[in-house]
Amino acid sequence: MNRAPQRAKYRPRARSGGNENALPWRIGVPMIMVMAVSVAASLWFGWRIDKELGELSRNRQEVIEETEANRELLSKRDGLLSRESIAKKAAVLGLFPPTDEQIRTP
């Protein structure tokens, strides 16, 4: 009863020839670092977008206010340039009524 010798079980060796636990560190640490940088970049971009949207809404409100002020100034200018207004001012100062060439119409 001679038995044939049994083969030794095959155990693959680590390619580095060193510690078998080194492979997760080589993959895991860079992945965690990339994820941390991605999360930080995402938070920073979100903060910048929020900040710029707030500034945009403030600028839009300023444009609305300045447009209203511009309309008021234009109506005052039109009133000052009207024939009646110029005639009244000229009468107060004792001047002759303006001719058609002297009056600018808006």
N, C-alpha and C. Protein backbone atom coordinates (compact mmCIF):
# COMPACT_ATOMS: atom_id res chain seq x y z
N MET A 1 0.79 -1.17 0.00
CA MET A 1 0.00 0.00 0.00
C MET A 1 0.84 1.25 0.00
N ASN A 2 1.45 1.36 -0.98
CA ASN A 2 2.21 2.59 -1.15
C ASN A 2 1.30 3.69 -1.70
N ARG A 3 1.32 4.70 -0.97
CA ARG A 3 0.54 5.86 -1.44
C ARG A 3 1.47 6.80 -2.16
N ALA A 4 0.87 7.47 -3.14
CA ALA A 4 1.66 8.47 -3.86
C ALA A 4 1.82 9.70 -2.98
N PRO A 5 2.93 10.36 -3.04
CA PRO A 5 3.09 11.54 -2.19
C PRO A 5 2.11 12.64 -2.59
N GLN A 6 1.56 13.31 -1.60
CA GLN A 6 0.60 14.39 -1.87
C GLN A 6 1.33 15.68 -2.20
N ARG A 7 0.73 16.42 -3.09
CA ARG A 7 1.31 17.70 -3.46
C ARG A 7 1.07 18.73 -2.37
N ALA A 8 2.00 19.59 -2.24
CA ALA A 8 1.82 20.68 -1.27
C ALA A 8 0.78 21.66 -1.81
N LYS A 9 -0.03 22.25 -0.92
CA LYS A 9 -1.07 23.19 -1.36
C LYS A 9 -0.41 24.45 -1.92
N TYR A 10 -1.02 24.95 -2.98
CA TYR A 10 -0.49 26.15 -3.64
C TYR A 10 -0.94 27.39 -2.90
N ARG A 11 0.01 28.22 -2.51
CA ARG A 11 -0.29 29.50 -1.87
C ARG A 11 0.39 30.59 -2.68
N PRO A 12 -0.40 31.47 -3.32
CA PRO A 12 0.24 32.51 -4.11
C PRO A 12 0.98 33.48 -3.21
N ARG A 13 2.09 33.94 -3.67
CA ARG A 13 2.88 34.89 -2.91
C ARG A 13 2.50 36.31 -3.33
N ALA A 14 2.71 37.23 -2.42
CA ALA A 14 2.47 38.63 -2.75
C ALA A 14 3.51 39.07 -3.77
N ARG A 15 3.10 39.90 -4.69
CA ARG A 15 4.00 40.32 -5.74
C ARG A 15 5.15 41.16 -5.20
N SER A 16 4.85 41.89 -4.13
CA SER A 16 5.91 42.71 -3.57
C SER A 16 6.96 41.87 -2.86
N GLY A 17 6.60 40.65 -2.66
CA GLY A 17 7.53 39.78 -1.95
C GLY A 17 7.57 40.09 -0.47
N GLY A 18 6.62 40.94 -0.03
CA GLY A 18 6.63 41.35 1.37
C GLY A 18 5.32 41.00 2.03
N ASN A 19 4.81 41.91 2.78
CA ASN A 19 3.61 41.71 3.56
C ASN A 19 2.39 41.60 2.66
N GLU A 20 1.54 40.61 2.93
CA GLU A 20 0.34 40.43 2.12
C GLU A 20 -0.71 41.50 2.42
N ASN A 21 -0.61 42.18 3.54
CA ASN A 21 -1.57 43.23 3.90
C ASN A 21 -1.22 44.58 3.29
N ALA A 22 -0.15 44.66 2.53
CA ALA A 22 0.28 45.94 1.95
C ALA A 22 -0.63 46.38 0.81
N LEU A 23 -1.24 45.44 0.10
CA LEU A 23 -2.06 45.77 -1.05
C LEU A 23 -3.26 46.66 -0.69
N PRO A 24 -4.02 46.37 0.36
CA PRO A 24 -5.13 47.27 0.70
C PRO A 24 -4.65 48.69 1.03
N TRP A 25 -3.49 48.80 1.61
CA TRP A 25 -2.99 50.15 1.91
C TRP A 25 -2.64 50.91 0.64
N ARG A 26 -2.13 50.21 -0.34
CA ARG A 26 -1.76 50.88 -1.59
C ARG A 26 -2.98 51.32 -2.39
N ILE A 27 -4.08 50.66 -2.21
CA ILE A 27 -5.31 51.03 -2.92
C ILE A 27 -6.20 51.91 -2.04
N GLY A 28 -6.34 51.55 -0.78
CA GLY A 28 -7.29 52.23 0.10
C GLY A 28 -6.91 53.65 0.46
N VAL A 29 -5.67 53.89 0.79
CA VAL A 29 -5.25 55.23 1.21
C VAL A 29 -5.41 56.25 0.08
N PRO A 30 -4.96 55.95 -1.15
CA PRO A 30 -5.20 56.94 -2.22
C PRO A 30 -6.68 57.16 -2.51
N MET A 31 -7.48 56.09 -2.40
CA MET A 31 -8.92 56.25 -2.64
C MET A 31 -9.54 57.16 -1.58
N ILE A 32 -9.16 56.98 -0.34
CA ILE A 32 -9.69 57.81 0.73
C ILE A 32 -9.24 59.26 0.54
N MET A 33 -8.00 59.45 0.11
CA MET A 33 -7.52 60.82 -0.12
C MET A 33 -8.27 61.47 -1.27
N VAL A 34 -8.50 60.73 -2.35
CA VAL A 34 -9.25 61.27 -3.49
C VAL A 34 -10.67 61.61 -3.06
N MET A 35 -11.29 60.76 -2.27
CA MET A 35 -12.65 61.03 -1.80
C MET A 35 -12.68 62.27 -0.90
N ALA A 36 -11.68 62.42 -0.04
CA ALA A 36 -11.64 63.59 0.84
C ALA A 36 -11.46 64.87 0.04
N VAL A 37 -10.59 64.83 -0.95
CA VAL A 37 -10.40 66.01 -1.81
C VAL A 37 -11.67 66.31 -2.59
N SER A 38 -12.35 65.28 -3.07
CA SER A 38 -13.60 65.48 -3.81
C SER A 38 -14.68 66.10 -2.93
N VAL A 39 -14.80 65.63 -1.71
CA VAL A 39 -15.80 66.20 -0.79
C VAL A 39 -15.45 67.65 -0.47
N ALA A 40 -14.17 67.93 -0.23
CA ALA A 40 -13.75 69.30 0.07
C ALA A 40 -14.02 70.22 -1.13
N ALA A 41 -13.72 69.74 -2.34
CA ALA A 41 -13.97 70.55 -3.54
C ALA A 41 -15.46 70.78 -3.73
N SER A 42 -16.26 69.77 -3.47
CA SER A 42 -17.71 69.91 -3.60
C SER A 42 -18.25 70.95 -2.61
N LEU A 43 -17.78 70.90 -1.38
CA LEU A 43 -18.21 71.89 -0.39
C LEU A 43 -17.78 73.30 -0.78
N TRP A 44 -16.56 73.43 -1.28
CA TRP A 44 -16.06 74.74 -1.68
C TRP A 44 -16.86 75.29 -2.86
N PHE A 45 -17.12 74.45 -3.86
CA PHE A 45 -17.91 74.90 -5.00
C PHE A 45 -19.32 75.30 -4.57
N GLY A 46 -19.92 74.54 -3.67
CA GLY A 46 -21.25 74.89 -3.17
C GLY A 46 -21.25 76.22 -2.46
N TRP A 47 -20.23 76.46 -1.65
CA TRP A 47 -20.12 77.74 -0.94
C TRP A 47 -19.96 78.90 -1.92
N ARG A 48 -19.11 78.72 -2.94
CA ARG A 48 -18.88 79.79 -3.93
C ARG A 48 -20.15 80.07 -4.73
N ILE A 49 -20.87 79.03 -5.11
CA ILE A 49 -22.10 79.21 -5.88
C ILE A 49 -23.13 79.95 -5.03
N ASP A 50 -23.26 79.58 -3.77
CA ASP A 50 -24.20 80.26 -2.88
C ASP A 50 -23.82 81.73 -2.71
N LYS A 51 -22.53 82.00 -2.56
CA LYS A 51 -22.07 83.37 -2.39
C LYS A 51 -22.35 84.20 -3.65
N GLU A 52 -22.06 83.64 -4.81
CA GLU A 52 -22.27 84.38 -6.07
C GLU A 52 -23.75 84.58 -6.35
N LEU A 53 -24.60 83.62 -6.02
CA LEU A 53 -26.03 83.79 -6.22
C LEU A 53 -26.58 84.90 -5.32
N GLY A 54 -26.07 84.98 -4.09
CA GLY A 54 -26.48 86.06 -3.19
C GLY A 54 -26.06 87.42 -3.74
N GLU A 55 -24.85 87.48 -4.28
CA GLU A 55 -24.37 88.75 -4.85
C GLU A 55 -25.17 89.10 -6.10
N LEU A 56 -25.53 88.11 -6.88
CA LEU A 56 -26.32 88.35 -8.09
C LEU A 56 -27.69 88.91 -7.74
N SER A 57 -28.32 88.38 -6.69
CA SER A 57 -29.64 88.88 -6.30
C SER A 57 -29.54 90.31 -5.75
N ARG A 58 -28.44 90.61 -5.03
CA ARG A 58 -28.25 91.98 -4.55
C ARG A 58 -28.04 92.93 -5.72
N ASN A 59 -27.26 92.51 -6.71
CA ASN A 59 -27.03 93.34 -7.88
C ASN A 59 -28.32 93.56 -8.66
N ARG A 60 -29.15 92.55 -8.75
CA ARG A 60 -30.42 92.68 -9.47
C ARG A 60 -31.32 93.69 -8.75
N GLN A 61 -31.34 93.65 -7.42
CA GLN A 61 -32.14 94.60 -6.65
C GLN A 61 -31.62 96.02 -6.87
N GLU A 62 -30.30 96.19 -6.90
CA GLU A 62 -29.72 97.51 -7.14
C GLU A 62 -30.09 98.03 -8.52
N VAL A 63 -30.11 97.16 -9.51
CA VAL A 63 -30.48 97.57 -10.87
C VAL A 63 -31.93 98.03 -10.89
N ILE A 64 -32.79 97.34 -10.18
CA ILE A 64 -34.21 97.73 -10.13
C ILE A 64 -34.35 99.11 -9.48
N GLU A 65 -33.65 99.32 -8.36
CA GLU A 65 -33.72 100.61 -7.68
C GLU A 65 -33.16 101.73 -8.54
N GLU A 66 -32.04 101.48 -9.23
CA GLU A 66 -31.45 102.51 -10.07
C GLU A 66 -32.32 102.81 -11.29
N THR A 67 -33.01 101.81 -11.80
CA THR A 67 -33.92 102.03 -12.93
C THR A 67 -35.08 102.93 -12.51
N GLU A 68 -35.60 102.71 -11.31
CA GLU A 68 -36.68 103.56 -10.81
C GLU A 68 -36.18 105.00 -10.61
N ALA A 69 -34.99 105.15 -10.05
CA ALA A 69 -34.43 106.49 -9.86
C ALA A 69 -34.19 107.16 -11.21
N ASN A 70 -33.76 106.40 -12.19
CA ASN A 70 -33.54 106.95 -13.52
C ASN A 70 -34.84 107.43 -14.14
N ARG A 71 -35.91 106.68 -13.97
CA ARG A 71 -37.22 107.10 -14.49
C ARG A 71 -37.67 108.40 -13.85
N GLU A 72 -37.47 108.51 -12.53
CA GLU A 72 -37.85 109.75 -11.85
C GLU A 72 -37.04 110.94 -12.37
N LEU A 73 -35.75 110.74 -12.56
CA LEU A 73 -34.91 111.82 -13.07
C LEU A 73 -35.29 112.20 -14.50
N LEU A 74 -35.63 111.24 -15.30
CA LEU A 74 -36.05 111.54 -16.67
C LEU A 74 -37.35 112.34 -16.69
N SER A 75 -38.27 111.99 -15.81
CA SER A 75 -39.54 112.75 -15.77
C SER A 75 -39.30 114.18 -15.28
N LYS A 76 -38.39 114.35 -14.31
CA LYS A 76 -38.05 115.71 -13.85
C LYS A 76 -37.39 116.51 -14.97
N ARG A 77 -36.48 115.86 -15.70
CA ARG A 77 -35.82 116.54 -16.81
C ARG A 77 -36.82 116.96 -17.87
N ASP A 78 -37.76 116.07 -18.19
CA ASP A 78 -38.77 116.40 -19.19
C ASP A 78 -39.63 117.57 -18.72
N GLY A 79 -39.94 117.59 -17.41
CA GLY A 79 -40.72 118.72 -16.87
C GLY A 79 -39.95 120.03 -16.94
N LEU A 80 -38.66 119.98 -16.65
CA LEU A 80 -37.85 121.21 -16.71
C LEU A 80 -37.64 121.70 -18.14
N LEU A 81 -37.65 120.81 -19.09
CA LEU A 81 -37.44 121.20 -20.48
C LEU A 81 -38.73 121.57 -21.21
N SER A 82 -39.87 121.46 -20.52
CA SER A 82 -41.13 121.78 -21.19
C SER A 82 -41.24 123.29 -21.43
N ARG A 83 -42.02 123.65 -22.43
CA ARG A 83 -42.20 125.06 -22.81
C ARG A 83 -42.78 125.87 -21.64
N GLU A 84 -43.74 125.30 -20.94
CA GLU A 84 -44.38 126.03 -19.83
C GLU A 84 -43.38 126.30 -18.71
N SER A 85 -42.58 125.32 -18.37
CA SER A 85 -41.60 125.49 -17.30
C SER A 85 -40.57 126.56 -17.65
N ILE A 86 -40.10 126.54 -18.87
CA ILE A 86 -39.11 127.53 -19.30
C ILE A 86 -39.74 128.92 -19.32
N ALA A 87 -40.98 129.03 -19.75
CA ALA A 87 -41.66 130.33 -19.79
C ALA A 87 -41.84 130.88 -18.37
N LYS A 88 -42.20 130.02 -17.42
CA LYS A 88 -42.36 130.47 -16.04
C LYS A 88 -41.04 130.96 -15.46
N LYS A 89 -39.97 130.20 -15.69
CA LYS A 89 -38.66 130.60 -15.18
C LYS A 89 -38.21 131.93 -15.82
N ALA A 90 -38.48 132.09 -17.09
CA ALA A 90 -38.09 133.32 -17.79
C ALA A 90 -38.89 134.50 -17.25
N ALA A 91 -40.17 134.31 -16.96
CA ALA A 91 -41.01 135.39 -16.44
C ALA A 91 -40.52 135.82 -15.05
N VAL A 92 -40.11 134.85 -14.21
CA VAL A 92 -39.62 135.17 -12.88
C VAL A 92 -38.35 136.01 -12.97
N LEU A 93 -37.51 135.68 -13.94
CA LEU A 93 -36.25 136.40 -14.10
C LEU A 93 -36.40 137.68 -14.93
N GLY A 94 -37.57 137.90 -15.49
CA GLY A 94 -37.80 139.10 -16.30
C GLY A 94 -37.22 138.98 -17.69
N LEU A 95 -37.13 137.81 -18.22
CA LEU A 95 -36.59 137.59 -19.56
C LEU A 95 -37.72 137.51 -20.57
N PHE A 96 -37.36 137.67 -21.83
CA PHE A 96 -38.35 137.52 -22.89
C PHE A 96 -38.70 136.05 -23.04
N PRO A 97 -39.89 135.77 -23.53
CA PRO A 97 -40.25 134.36 -23.75
C PRO A 97 -39.29 133.74 -24.77
N PRO A 98 -38.98 132.47 -24.62
CA PRO A 98 -38.04 131.83 -25.53
C PRO A 98 -38.65 131.62 -26.92
N THR A 99 -37.78 131.63 -27.90
CA THR A 99 -38.24 131.33 -29.27
C THR A 99 -38.20 129.84 -29.47
N ASP A 100 -38.73 129.39 -30.60
CA ASP A 100 -38.77 127.96 -30.87
C ASP A 100 -37.36 127.37 -31.00
N GLU A 101 -36.41 128.13 -31.49
CA GLU A 101 -35.04 127.61 -31.64
C GLU A 101 -34.35 127.44 -30.28
N GLN A 102 -34.80 128.14 -29.27
CA GLN A 102 -34.15 128.08 -27.97
C GLN A 102 -34.68 126.93 -27.08
N ILE A 103 -35.77 126.36 -27.48
CA ILE A 103 -36.39 125.30 -26.68
C ILE A 103 -36.03 123.95 -27.27
N ARG A 104 -35.52 123.11 -26.41
CA ARG A 104 -35.18 121.74 -26.81
C ARG A 104 -36.31 120.83 -26.31
N THR A 105 -36.84 120.05 -27.20
CA THR A 105 -37.91 119.14 -26.80
C THR A 105 -37.32 117.76 -26.52
N PRO A 106 -37.80 117.14 -25.49
CA PRO A 106 -37.25 115.82 -25.13
C PRO A 106 -37.71 114.75 -26.08
